């Protein structure tokens, strides 16, 4: 992202007031949803297109963020899986066309 500011921490016009300098150096904060190649983001960040990551992507499911990882009773877990609801679906045409997904 590139923003041109007349004064550090201030943006050119009042419509940019949601963008703020972060508490951590070299960060910027936006209080709302951000869309890249879309003007209708429905999550905190929506990227319509490819994204290149030149570092690690951390996710709460990442083992690097966990401790006390231990084995579980396989038979109990298989019993739980058999109780799961499995579904098939088709994407709505308006969603798949915007996202570039074939309706499969």
PDB file of N, CA and C in Angstrom:
ATOM      1  N   UNK A   1       0.828  -1.170   0.000  1.00  0.00           N
ATOM      2  CA  UNK A   1       0.000   0.000   0.000  1.00  0.00           C
ATOM      3  C   UNK A   1       0.874   1.235   0.000  1.00  0.00           C
ATOM      4  N   UNK A   2       0.442   2.295  -0.675  1.00  0.00           N
ATOM      5  CA  UNK A   2       1.167   3.552  -0.674  1.00  0.00           C
ATOM      6  C   UNK A   2       0.187   4.657  -0.387  1.00  0.00           C
ATOM      7  N   UNK A   3       0.514   5.487   0.571  1.00  0.00           N
ATOM      8  CA  UNK A   3      -0.324   6.622   0.918  1.00  0.00           C
ATOM      9  C   UNK A   3       0.552   7.848   0.965  1.00  0.00           C
ATOM     10  N   UNK A   4       0.074   8.926   0.355  1.00  0.00           N
ATOM     11  CA  UNK A   4       0.826  10.160   0.379  1.00  0.00           C
ATOM     12  C   UNK A   4       0.197  11.065   1.428  1.00  0.00           C
ATOM     13  N   UNK A   5       0.963  11.487   2.400  1.00  0.00           N
ATOM     14  CA  UNK A   5       0.455  12.327   3.475  1.00  0.00           C
ATOM     15  C   UNK A   5       1.147  13.671   3.441  1.00  0.00           C
ATOM     16  N   UNK A   6       0.386  14.741   3.685  1.00  0.00           N
ATOM     17  CA  UNK A   6       0.981  16.066   3.742  1.00  0.00           C
ATOM     18  C   UNK A   6       1.722  16.254   5.061  1.00  0.00           C
ATOM     19  N   UNK A   7       1.210  15.664   6.122  1.00  0.00           N
ATOM     20  CA  UNK A   7       1.870  15.663   7.425  1.00  0.00           C
ATOM     21  C   UNK A   7       1.924  14.229   7.904  1.00  0.00           C
ATOM     22  N   UNK A   8       3.003  13.808   8.547  1.00  0.00           N
ATOM     23  CA  UNK A   8       3.063  12.420   9.035  1.00  0.00           C
ATOM     24  C   UNK A   8       1.859  12.089   9.908  1.00  0.00           C
ATOM     25  N   UNK A   9       1.199  10.987   9.585  1.00  0.00           N
ATOM     26  CA  UNK A   9       0.034  10.570  10.360  1.00  0.00           C
ATOM     27  C   UNK A   9      -1.272  11.171   9.894  1.00  0.00           C
ATOM     28  N   UNK A  10      -1.224  12.099   8.932  1.00  0.00           N
ATOM     29  CA  UNK A  10      -2.451  12.703   8.419  1.00  0.00           C
ATOM     30  C   UNK A  10      -2.545  12.445   6.926  1.00  0.00           C
ATOM     31  N   UNK A  11      -3.763  12.218   6.446  1.00  0.00           N
ATOM     32  CA  UNK A  11      -3.957  11.914   5.034  1.00  0.00           C
ATOM     33  C   UNK A  11      -4.555  13.112   4.316  1.00  0.00           C
ATOM     34  N   UNK A  12      -4.517  13.048   2.999  1.00  0.00           N
ATOM     35  CA  UNK A  12      -4.885  14.188   2.169  1.00  0.00           C
ATOM     36  C   UNK A  12      -6.309  14.692   2.366  1.00  0.00           C
ATOM     37  N   UNK A  13      -7.262  13.783   2.589  1.00  0.00           N
ATOM     38  CA  UNK A  13      -8.628  14.263   2.744  1.00  0.00           C
ATOM     39  C   UNK A  13      -9.335  13.533   3.875  1.00  0.00           C
ATOM     40  N   UNK A  14     -10.476  14.043   4.265  1.00  0.00           N
ATOM     41  CA  UNK A  14     -11.204  13.503   5.412  1.00  0.00           C
ATOM     42  C   UNK A  14     -11.763  12.111   5.165  1.00  0.00           C
ATOM     43  N   UNK A  15     -11.872  11.676   3.893  1.00  0.00           N
ATOM     44  CA  UNK A  15     -12.413  10.340   3.633  1.00  0.00           C
ATOM     45  C   UNK A  15     -11.426   9.249   4.037  1.00  0.00           C
ATOM     46  N   UNK A  16     -10.174   9.611   4.285  1.00  0.00           N
ATOM     47  CA  UNK A  16      -9.159   8.632   4.667  1.00  0.00           C
ATOM     48  C   UNK A  16      -8.973   8.526   6.177  1.00  0.00           C
ATOM     49  N   UNK A  17      -9.886   9.068   6.978  1.00  0.00           N
ATOM     50  CA  UNK A  17      -9.678   9.093   8.426  1.00  0.00           C
ATOM     51  C   UNK A  17      -9.681   7.708   9.046  1.00  0.00           C
ATOM     52  N   UNK A  18     -10.211   6.689   8.356  1.00  0.00           N
ATOM     53  CA  UNK A  18     -10.190   5.342   8.908  1.00  0.00           C
ATOM     54  C   UNK A  18      -8.790   4.742   8.882  1.00  0.00           C
ATOM     55  N   UNK A  19      -7.913   5.258   8.033  1.00  0.00           N
ATOM     56  CA  UNK A  19      -6.525   4.793   7.971  1.00  0.00           C
ATOM     57  C   UNK A  19      -5.737   5.560   9.020  1.00  0.00           C
ATOM     58  N   UNK A  20      -5.022   4.830   9.875  1.00  0.00           N
ATOM     59  CA  UNK A  20      -4.252   5.470  10.929  1.00  0.00           C
ATOM     60  C   UNK A  20      -2.878   4.841  11.019  1.00  0.00           C
ATOM     61  N   UNK A  21      -1.923   5.613  11.509  1.00  0.00           N
ATOM     62  CA  UNK A  21      -0.595   5.081  11.768  1.00  0.00           C
ATOM     63  C   UNK A  21      -0.703   4.098  12.926  1.00  0.00           C
ATOM     64  N   UNK A  22      -0.088   2.927  12.807  1.00  0.00           N
ATOM     65  CA  UNK A  22      -0.154   1.912  13.842  1.00  0.00           C
ATOM     66  C   UNK A  22       0.729   2.234  15.028  1.00  0.00           C
ATOM     67  N   UNK A  23       0.513   1.521  16.122  1.00  0.00           N
ATOM     68  CA  UNK A  23       1.332   1.697  17.321  1.00  0.00           C
ATOM     69  C   UNK A  23       2.732   1.123  17.121  1.00  0.00           C
ATOM     70  N   UNK A  24       2.841   0.111  16.281  1.00  0.00           N
ATOM     71  CA  UNK A  24       4.131  -0.504  15.968  1.00  0.00           C
ATOM     72  C   UNK A  24       4.741   0.279  14.808  1.00  0.00           C
ATOM     73  N   UNK A  25       6.039   0.577  14.855  1.00  0.00           N
ATOM     74  CA  UNK A  25       6.659   1.330  13.754  1.00  0.00           C
ATOM     75  C   UNK A  25       6.410   0.682  12.398  1.00  0.00           C
ATOM     76  N   UNK A  26       6.255   1.521  11.373  1.00  0.00           N
ATOM     77  CA  UNK A  26       6.065   1.104   9.991  1.00  0.00           C
ATOM     78  C   UNK A  26       4.804   0.283   9.778  1.00  0.00           C
ATOM     79  N   UNK A  27       3.747   0.586  10.537  1.00  0.00           N
ATOM     80  CA  UNK A  27       2.470  -0.092  10.338  1.00  0.00           C
ATOM     81  C   UNK A  27       1.377   0.931  10.097  1.00  0.00           C
ATOM     82  N   UNK A  28       0.323   0.479   9.442  1.00  0.00           N
ATOM     83  CA  UNK A  28      -0.843   1.311   9.201  1.00  0.00           C
ATOM     84  C   UNK A  28      -2.067   0.478   9.546  1.00  0.00           C
ATOM     85  N   UNK A  29      -3.078   1.100  10.093  1.00  0.00           N
ATOM     86  CA  UNK A  29      -4.267   0.398  10.577  1.00  0.00           C
ATOM     87  C   UNK A  29      -5.488   0.960   9.864  1.00  0.00           C
ATOM     88  N   UNK A  30      -6.370   0.071   9.450  1.00  0.00           N
ATOM     89  CA  UNK A  30      -7.647   0.463   8.861  1.00  0.00           C
ATOM     90  C   UNK A  30      -8.746  -0.209   9.667  1.00  0.00           C
ATOM     91  N   UNK A  31      -9.686   0.560  10.160  1.00  0.00           N
ATOM     92  CA  UNK A  31     -10.788   0.016  10.944  1.00  0.00           C
ATOM     93  C   UNK A  31     -11.977  -0.204  10.020  1.00  0.00           C
ATOM     94  N   UNK A  32     -12.037  -1.370   9.423  1.00  0.00           N
ATOM     95  CA  UNK A  32     -13.092  -1.707   8.478  1.00  0.00           C
ATOM     96  C   UNK A  32     -12.620  -2.851   7.600  1.00  0.00           C
ATOM     97  N   UNK A  33     -13.260  -3.005   6.454  1.00  0.00           N
ATOM     98  CA  UNK A  33     -12.912  -4.075   5.521  1.00  0.00           C
ATOM     99  C   UNK A  33     -12.076  -3.522   4.388  1.00  0.00           C
ATOM    100  N   UNK A  34     -11.138  -4.334   3.907  1.00  0.00           N
ATOM    101  CA  UNK A  34     -10.257  -3.937   2.816  1.00  0.00           C
ATOM    102  C   UNK A  34     -10.471  -4.898   1.659  1.00  0.00           C
ATOM    103  N   UNK A  35     -10.652  -4.367   0.469  1.00  0.00           N
ATOM    104  CA  UNK A  35     -10.808  -5.185  -0.723  1.00  0.00           C
ATOM    105  C   UNK A  35      -9.729  -4.869  -1.734  1.00  0.00           C
ATOM    106  N   UNK A  36      -9.101  -5.899  -2.273  1.00  0.00           N
ATOM    107  CA  UNK A  36      -8.134  -5.740  -3.349  1.00  0.00           C
ATOM    108  C   UNK A  36      -8.746  -6.389  -4.580  1.00  0.00           C
ATOM    109  N   UNK A  37      -8.941  -5.622  -5.621  1.00  0.00           N
ATOM    110  CA  UNK A  37      -9.636  -6.029  -6.854  1.00  0.00           C
ATOM    111  C   UNK A  37     -11.107  -6.334  -6.597  1.00  0.00           C
ATOM    112  N   UNK A  38     -11.679  -5.749  -5.565  1.00  0.00           N
ATOM    113  CA  UNK A  38     -13.111  -5.845  -5.311  1.00  0.00           C
ATOM    114  C   UNK A  38     -13.538  -4.603  -4.542  1.00  0.00           C
ATOM    115  N   UNK A  39     -14.730  -4.128  -4.828  1.00  0.00           N
ATOM    116  CA  UNK A  39     -15.249  -2.988  -4.062  1.00  0.00           C
ATOM    117  C   UNK A  39     -16.317  -3.433  -3.066  1.00  0.00           C
ATOM    118  N   UNK A  40     -16.438  -4.754  -2.864  1.00  0.00           N
ATOM    119  CA  UNK A  40     -17.431  -5.283  -1.925  1.00  0.00           C
ATOM    120  C   UNK A  40     -16.818  -6.367  -1.038  1.00  0.00           C
ATOM    121  N   UNK A  41     -15.793  -6.034  -0.233  1.00  0.00           N
ATOM    122  CA  UNK A  41     -15.219  -7.063   0.638  1.00  0.00           C
ATOM    123  C   UNK A  41     -16.208  -7.463   1.724  1.00  0.00           C
ATOM    124  N   UNK A  42     -16.349  -8.760   1.957  1.00  0.00           N
ATOM    125  CA  UNK A  42     -17.274  -9.245   2.982  1.00  0.00           C
ATOM    126  C   UNK A  42     -16.532  -9.823   4.182  1.00  0.00           C
ATOM    127  N   UNK A  43     -15.218  -9.651   4.222  1.00  0.00           N
ATOM    128  CA  UNK A  43     -14.374 -10.058   5.349  1.00  0.00           C
ATOM    129  C   UNK A  43     -13.401  -8.927   5.625  1.00  0.00           C
ATOM    130  N   UNK A  44     -12.580  -9.066   6.662  1.00  0.00           N
ATOM    131  CA  UNK A  44     -11.609  -8.024   7.005  1.00  0.00           C
ATOM    132  C   UNK A  44     -10.674  -7.729   5.832  1.00  0.00           C
ATOM    133  N   UNK A  45     -10.247  -8.776   5.110  1.00  0.00           N
ATOM    134  CA  UNK A  45      -9.409  -8.608   3.922  1.00  0.00           C
ATOM    135  C   UNK A  45      -9.860  -9.597   2.867  1.00  0.00           C
ATOM    136  N   UNK A  46     -10.170  -9.088   1.684  1.00  0.00           N
ATOM    137  CA  UNK A  46     -10.567  -9.933   0.560  1.00  0.00           C
ATOM    138  C   UNK A  46      -9.654  -9.599  -0.610  1.00  0.00           C
ATOM    139  N   UNK A  47      -8.961 -10.606  -1.126  1.00  0.00           N
ATOM    140  CA  UNK A  47      -8.089 -10.440  -2.281  1.00  0.00           C
ATOM    141  C   UNK A  47      -8.687 -11.247  -3.417  1.00  0.00           C
ATOM    142  N   UNK A  48      -9.103 -10.574  -4.468  1.00  0.00           N
ATOM    143  CA  UNK A  48      -9.617 -11.251  -5.651  1.00  0.00           C
ATOM    144  C   UNK A  48      -8.481 -11.293  -6.671  1.00  0.00           C
ATOM    145  N   UNK A  49      -7.812 -12.408  -6.710  1.00  0.00           N
ATOM    146  CA  UNK A  49      -6.649 -12.560  -7.568  1.00  0.00           C
ATOM    147  C   UNK A  49      -5.570 -13.299  -6.817  1.00  0.00           C
ATOM    148  N   UNK A  50      -4.416 -13.385  -7.409  1.00  0.00           N
ATOM    149  CA  UNK A  50      -3.297 -14.082  -6.779  1.00  0.00           C
ATOM    150  C   UNK A  50      -2.650 -13.191  -5.733  1.00  0.00           C
ATOM    151  N   UNK A  51      -2.103 -13.817  -4.709  1.00  0.00           N
ATOM    152  CA  UNK A  51      -1.353 -13.100  -3.687  1.00  0.00           C
ATOM    153  C   UNK A  51       0.013 -13.759  -3.558  1.00  0.00           C
ATOM    154  N   UNK A  52       1.054 -12.963  -3.507  1.00  0.00           N
ATOM    155  CA  UNK A  52       2.396 -13.489  -3.334  1.00  0.00           C
ATOM    156  C   UNK A  52       2.843 -13.175  -1.916  1.00  0.00           C
ATOM    157  N   UNK A  53       3.312 -14.193  -1.217  1.00  0.00           N
ATOM    158  CA  UNK A  53       3.792 -14.030   0.148  1.00  0.00           C
ATOM    159  C   UNK A  53       5.282 -14.309   0.146  1.00  0.00           C
ATOM    160  N   UNK A  54       6.069 -13.353   0.588  1.00  0.00           N
ATOM    161  CA  UNK A  54       7.516 -13.508   0.606  1.00  0.00           C
ATOM    162  C   UNK A  54       8.012 -13.824   2.019  1.00  0.00           C
ATOM    163  N   UNK A  55       7.151 -14.380   2.829  1.00  0.00           N
ATOM    164  CA  UNK A  55       7.497 -14.750   4.193  1.00  0.00           C
ATOM    165  C   UNK A  55       6.548 -15.828   4.656  1.00  0.00           C
ATOM    166  N   UNK A  56       6.479 -16.028   5.940  1.00  0.00           N
ATOM    167  CA  UNK A  56       5.598 -17.063   6.484  1.00  0.00           C
ATOM    168  C   UNK A  56       4.191 -16.528   6.696  1.00  0.00           C
ATOM    169  N   UNK A  57       3.214 -17.404   6.590  1.00  0.00           N
ATOM    170  CA  UNK A  57       1.837 -17.085   6.921  1.00  0.00           C
ATOM    171  C   UNK A  57       1.499 -17.877   8.176  1.00  0.00           C
ATOM    172  N   UNK A  58       1.194 -17.179   9.235  1.00  0.00           N
ATOM    173  CA  UNK A  58       0.854 -17.836  10.497  1.00  0.00           C
ATOM    174  C   UNK A  58      -0.660 -17.947  10.583  1.00  0.00           C
ATOM    175  N   UNK A  59      -1.131 -19.055  11.049  1.00  0.00           N
ATOM    176  CA  UNK A  59      -2.551 -19.315  11.213  1.00  0.00           C
ATOM    177  C   UNK A  59      -2.735 -19.958  12.569  1.00  0.00           C
ATOM    178  N   UNK A  60      -3.857 -19.693  13.265  1.00  0.00           N
ATOM    179  CA  UNK A  60      -4.041 -20.312  14.584  1.00  0.00           C
ATOM    180  C   UNK A  60      -3.909 -21.829  14.573  1.00  0.00           C
ATOM    181  N   UNK A  61      -4.084 -22.456  13.422  1.00  0.00           N
ATOM    182  CA  UNK A  61      -3.956 -23.894  13.333  1.00  0.00           C
ATOM    183  C   UNK A  61      -2.507 -24.327  13.148  1.00  0.00           C
ATOM    184  N   UNK A  62      -1.590 -23.397  12.971  1.00  0.00           N
ATOM    185  CA  UNK A  62      -0.185 -23.692  12.744  1.00  0.00           C
ATOM    186  C   UNK A  62       0.430 -24.301  14.003  1.00  0.00           C
ATOM    187  N   UNK A  63       1.173 -25.395  13.854  1.00  0.00           N
ATOM    188  CA  UNK A  63       1.778 -26.066  15.013  1.00  0.00           C
ATOM    189  C   UNK A  63       2.779 -25.172  15.736  1.00  0.00           C
ATOM    190  N   UNK A  64       3.332 -24.179  15.026  1.00  0.00           N
ATOM    191  CA  UNK A  64       4.277 -23.262  15.668  1.00  0.00           C
ATOM    192  C   UNK A  64       3.585 -22.378  16.708  1.00  0.00           C
ATOM    193  N   UNK A  65       2.262 -22.292  16.678  1.00  0.00           N
ATOM    194  CA  UNK A  65       1.515 -21.456  17.615  1.00  0.00           C
ATOM    195  C   UNK A  65       0.910 -22.274  18.754  1.00  0.00           C
ATOM    196  N   UNK A  66       1.264 -23.559  18.848  1.00  0.00           N
ATOM    197  CA  UNK A  66       0.636 -24.449  19.823  1.00  0.00           C
ATOM    198  C   UNK A  66       1.655 -25.048  20.780  1.00  0.00           C
ATOM    199  N   UNK A  67       1.156 -25.517  21.898  1.00  0.00           N
ATOM    200  CA  UNK A  67       1.973 -26.269  22.841  1.00  0.00           C
ATOM    201  C   UNK A  67       1.123 -27.399  23.398  1.00  0.00           C
ATOM    202  N   UNK A  68       1.737 -28.311  24.113  1.00  0.00           N
ATOM    203  CA  UNK A  68       1.047 -29.470  24.699  1.00  0.00           C
ATOM    204  C   UNK A  68       0.301 -30.291  23.648  1.00  0.00           C
ATOM    205  N   UNK A  69       0.907 -30.484  22.494  1.00  0.00           N
ATOM    206  CA  UNK A  69       0.311 -31.304  21.433  1.00  0.00           C
ATOM    207  C   UNK A  69       0.462 -32.766  21.845  1.00  0.00           C
ATOM    208  N   UNK A  70      -0.644 -33.518  21.810  1.00  0.00           N
ATOM    209  CA  UNK A  70      -0.600 -34.914  22.243  1.00  0.00           C
ATOM    210  C   UNK A  70      -1.540 -35.760  21.390  1.00  0.00           C
ATOM    211  N   UNK A  71      -1.270 -37.040  21.369  1.00  0.00           N
ATOM    212  CA  UNK A  71      -2.093 -37.995  20.628  1.00  0.00           C
ATOM    213  C   UNK A  71      -3.456 -38.125  21.296  1.00  0.00           C
ATOM    214  N   UNK A  72      -4.467 -38.483  20.494  1.00  0.00           N
ATOM    215  CA  UNK A  72      -5.818 -38.702  21.017  1.00  0.00           C
ATOM    216  C   UNK A  72      -6.255 -40.128  20.692  1.00  0.00           C
ATOM    217  N   UNK A  73      -7.358 -40.542  21.283  1.00  0.00           N
ATOM    218  CA  UNK A  73      -7.919 -41.872  21.047  1.00  0.00           C
ATOM    219  C   UNK A  73      -8.497 -41.911  19.637  1.00  0.00           C
ATOM    220  N   UNK A  74      -7.855 -42.651  18.743  1.00  0.00           N
ATOM    221  CA  UNK A  74      -8.266 -42.708  17.342  1.00  0.00           C
ATOM    222  C   UNK A  74      -9.695 -43.216  17.181  1.00  0.00           C
ATOM    223  N   UNK A  75     -10.082 -44.246  17.922  1.00  0.00           N
ATOM    224  CA  UNK A  75     -11.435 -44.794  17.801  1.00  0.00           C
ATOM    225  C   UNK A  75     -12.487 -43.749  18.184  1.00  0.00           C
ATOM    226  N   UNK A  76     -12.230 -42.992  19.223  1.00  0.00           N
ATOM    227  CA  UNK A  76     -13.172 -41.947  19.633  1.00  0.00           C
ATOM    228  C   UNK A  76     -13.287 -40.866  18.562  1.00  0.00           C
ATOM    229  N   UNK A  77     -12.164 -40.497  17.962  1.00  0.00           N
ATOM    230  CA  UNK A  77     -12.185 -39.462  16.929  1.00  0.00           C
ATOM    231  C   UNK A  77     -12.902 -39.963  15.670  1.00  0.00           C
ATOM    232  N   UNK A  78     -12.725 -41.227  15.300  1.00  0.00           N
ATOM    233  CA  UNK A  78     -13.442 -41.788  14.152  1.00  0.00           C
ATOM    234  C   UNK A  78     -14.944 -41.825  14.417  1.00  0.00           C
ATOM    235  N   UNK A  79     -15.336 -42.123  15.653  1.00  0.00           N
ATOM    236  CA  UNK A  79     -16.760 -42.104  16.006  1.00  0.00           C
ATOM    237  C   UNK A  79     -17.327 -40.700  15.828  1.00  0.00           C
ATOM    238  N   UNK A  80     -16.579 -39.696  16.221  1.00  0.00           N
ATOM    239  CA  UNK A  80     -17.023 -38.306  16.065  1.00  0.00           C
ATOM    240  C   UNK A  80     -17.148 -37.935  14.587  1.00  0.00           C
ATOM    241  N   UNK A  81     -16.194 -38.399  13.778  1.00  0.00           N
ATOM    242  CA  UNK A  81     -16.232 -38.093  12.349  1.00  0.00           C
ATOM    243  C   UNK A  81     -17.477 -38.690  11.696  1.00  0.00           C
ATOM    244  N   UNK A  82     -17.869 -39.886  12.091  1.00  0.00           N
ATOM    245  CA  UNK A  82     -19.056 -40.502  11.495  1.00  0.00           C
ATOM    246  C   UNK A  82     -20.328 -39.737  11.841  1.00  0.00           C
ATOM    247  N   UNK A  83     -20.286 -38.875  12.835  1.00  0.00           N
ATOM    248  CA  UNK A  83     -21.451 -38.068  13.209  1.00  0.00           C
ATOM    249  C   UNK A  83     -21.474 -36.717  12.498  1.00  0.00           C
ATOM    250  N   UNK A  84     -20.436 -36.436  11.711  1.00  0.00           N
ATOM    251  CA  UNK A  84     -20.375 -35.150  11.007  1.00  0.00           C
ATOM    252  C   UNK A  84     -21.376 -35.117   9.865  1.00  0.00           C
ATOM    253  N   UNK A  85     -21.904 -33.937   9.592  1.00  0.00           N
ATOM    254  CA  UNK A  85     -22.807 -33.730   8.457  1.00  0.00           C
ATOM    255  C   UNK A  85     -21.950 -33.394   7.238  1.00  0.00           C
ATOM    256  N   UNK A  86     -22.009 -34.213   6.193  1.00  0.00           N
ATOM    257  CA  UNK A  86     -21.268 -33.984   4.959  1.00  0.00           C
ATOM    258  C   UNK A  86     -22.221 -33.448   3.906  1.00  0.00           C
ATOM    259  N   UNK A  87     -21.776 -32.449   3.138  1.00  0.00           N
ATOM    260  CA  UNK A  87     -22.641 -31.831   2.134  1.00  0.00           C
ATOM    261  C   UNK A  87     -21.891 -31.664   0.820  1.00  0.00           C
ATOM    262  N   UNK A  88     -22.653 -31.523  -0.254  1.00  0.00           N
ATOM    263  CA  UNK A  88     -22.149 -31.102  -1.557  1.00  0.00           C
ATOM    264  C   UNK A  88     -22.821 -29.780  -1.869  1.00  0.00           C
ATOM    265  N   UNK A  89     -22.188 -28.959  -2.694  1.00  0.00           N
ATOM    266  CA  UNK A  89     -22.805 -27.684  -3.037  1.00  0.00           C
ATOM    267  C   UNK A  89     -22.252 -27.166  -4.356  1.00  0.00           C
ATOM    268  N   UNK A  90     -22.972 -26.211  -4.924  1.00  0.00           N
ATOM    269  CA  UNK A  90     -22.532 -25.443  -6.086  1.00  0.00           C
ATOM    270  C   UNK A  90     -22.417 -23.996  -5.637  1.00  0.00           C
ATOM    271  N   UNK A  91     -21.402 -23.291  -6.144  1.00  0.00           N
ATOM    272  CA  UNK A  91     -21.310 -21.870  -5.854  1.00  0.00           C
ATOM    273  C   UNK A  91     -22.428 -21.122  -6.571  1.00  0.00           C
ATOM    274  N   UNK A  92     -22.915 -20.067  -5.964  1.00  0.00           N
ATOM    275  CA  UNK A  92     -23.885 -19.204  -6.628  1.00  0.00           C
ATOM    276  C   UNK A  92     -23.189 -18.554  -7.815  1.00  0.00           C
ATOM    277  N   UNK A  93     -23.889 -18.451  -8.954  1.00  0.00           N
ATOM    278  CA  UNK A  93     -23.253 -17.907 -10.163  1.00  0.00           C
ATOM    279  C   UNK A  93     -22.653 -16.518  -9.958  1.00  0.00           C
ATOM    280  N   UNK A  94     -23.333 -15.641  -9.218  1.00  0.00           N
ATOM    281  CA  UNK A  94     -22.810 -14.288  -9.022  1.00  0.00           C
ATOM    282  C   UNK A  94     -21.511 -14.297  -8.198  1.00  0.00           C
ATOM    283  N   UNK A  95     -21.370 -15.248  -7.290  1.00  0.00           N
ATOM    284  CA  UNK A  95     -20.138 -15.361  -6.498  1.00  0.00           C
ATOM    285  C   UNK A  95     -19.025 -15.967  -7.338  1.00  0.00           C
ATOM    286  N   UNK A  96     -19.322 -17.054  -8.020  1.00  0.00           N
ATOM    287  CA  UNK A  96     -18.267 -17.725  -8.786  1.00  0.00           C
ATOM    288  C   UNK A  96     -17.743 -16.856  -9.920  1.00  0.00           C
ATOM    289  N   UNK A  97     -18.599 -16.038 -10.544  1.00  0.00           N
ATOM    290  CA  UNK A  97     -18.120 -15.189 -11.628  1.00  0.00           C
ATOM    291  C   UNK A  97     -17.223 -14.079 -11.100  1.00  0.00           C
ATOM    292  N   UNK A  98     -17.550 -13.515  -9.949  1.00  0.00           N
ATOM    293  CA  UNK A  98     -16.715 -12.473  -9.348  1.00  0.00           C
ATOM    294  C   UNK A  98     -15.379 -13.047  -8.905  1.00  0.00           C
ATOM    295  N   UNK A  99     -15.389 -14.246  -8.336  1.00  0.00           N
ATOM    296  CA  UNK A  99     -14.185 -14.865  -7.781  1.00  0.00           C
ATOM    297  C   UNK A  99     -13.381 -15.631  -8.837  1.00  0.00           C
ATOM    298  N   UNK A 100     -13.915 -15.777 -10.047  1.00  0.00           N
ATOM    299  CA  UNK A 100     -13.212 -16.508 -11.081  1.00  0.00           C
ATOM    300  C   UNK A 100     -13.175 -18.008 -10.832  1.00  0.00           C
ATOM    301  N   UNK A 101     -14.223 -18.518 -10.183  1.00  0.00           N
ATOM    302  CA  UNK A 101     -14.309 -19.945  -9.853  1.00  0.00           C
ATOM    303  C   UNK A 101     -15.281 -20.601 -10.823  1.00  0.00           C
ATOM    304  N   UNK A 102     -14.881 -21.735 -11.360  1.00  0.00           N
ATOM    305  CA  UNK A 102     -15.822 -22.490 -12.180  1.00  0.00           C
ATOM    306  C   UNK A 102     -16.857 -23.120 -11.266  1.00  0.00           C
ATOM    307  N   UNK A 103     -18.085 -23.105 -11.683  1.00  0.00           N
ATOM    308  CA  UNK A 103     -19.193 -23.578 -10.853  1.00  0.00           C
ATOM    309  C   UNK A 103     -19.181 -25.097 -10.768  1.00  0.00           C
ATOM    310  N   UNK A 104     -18.294 -25.628  -9.945  1.00  0.00           N
ATOM    311  CA  UNK A 104     -18.208 -27.079  -9.775  1.00  0.00           C
ATOM    312  C   UNK A 104     -18.524 -27.458  -8.350  1.00  0.00           C
TER     313      UNK A 104
END
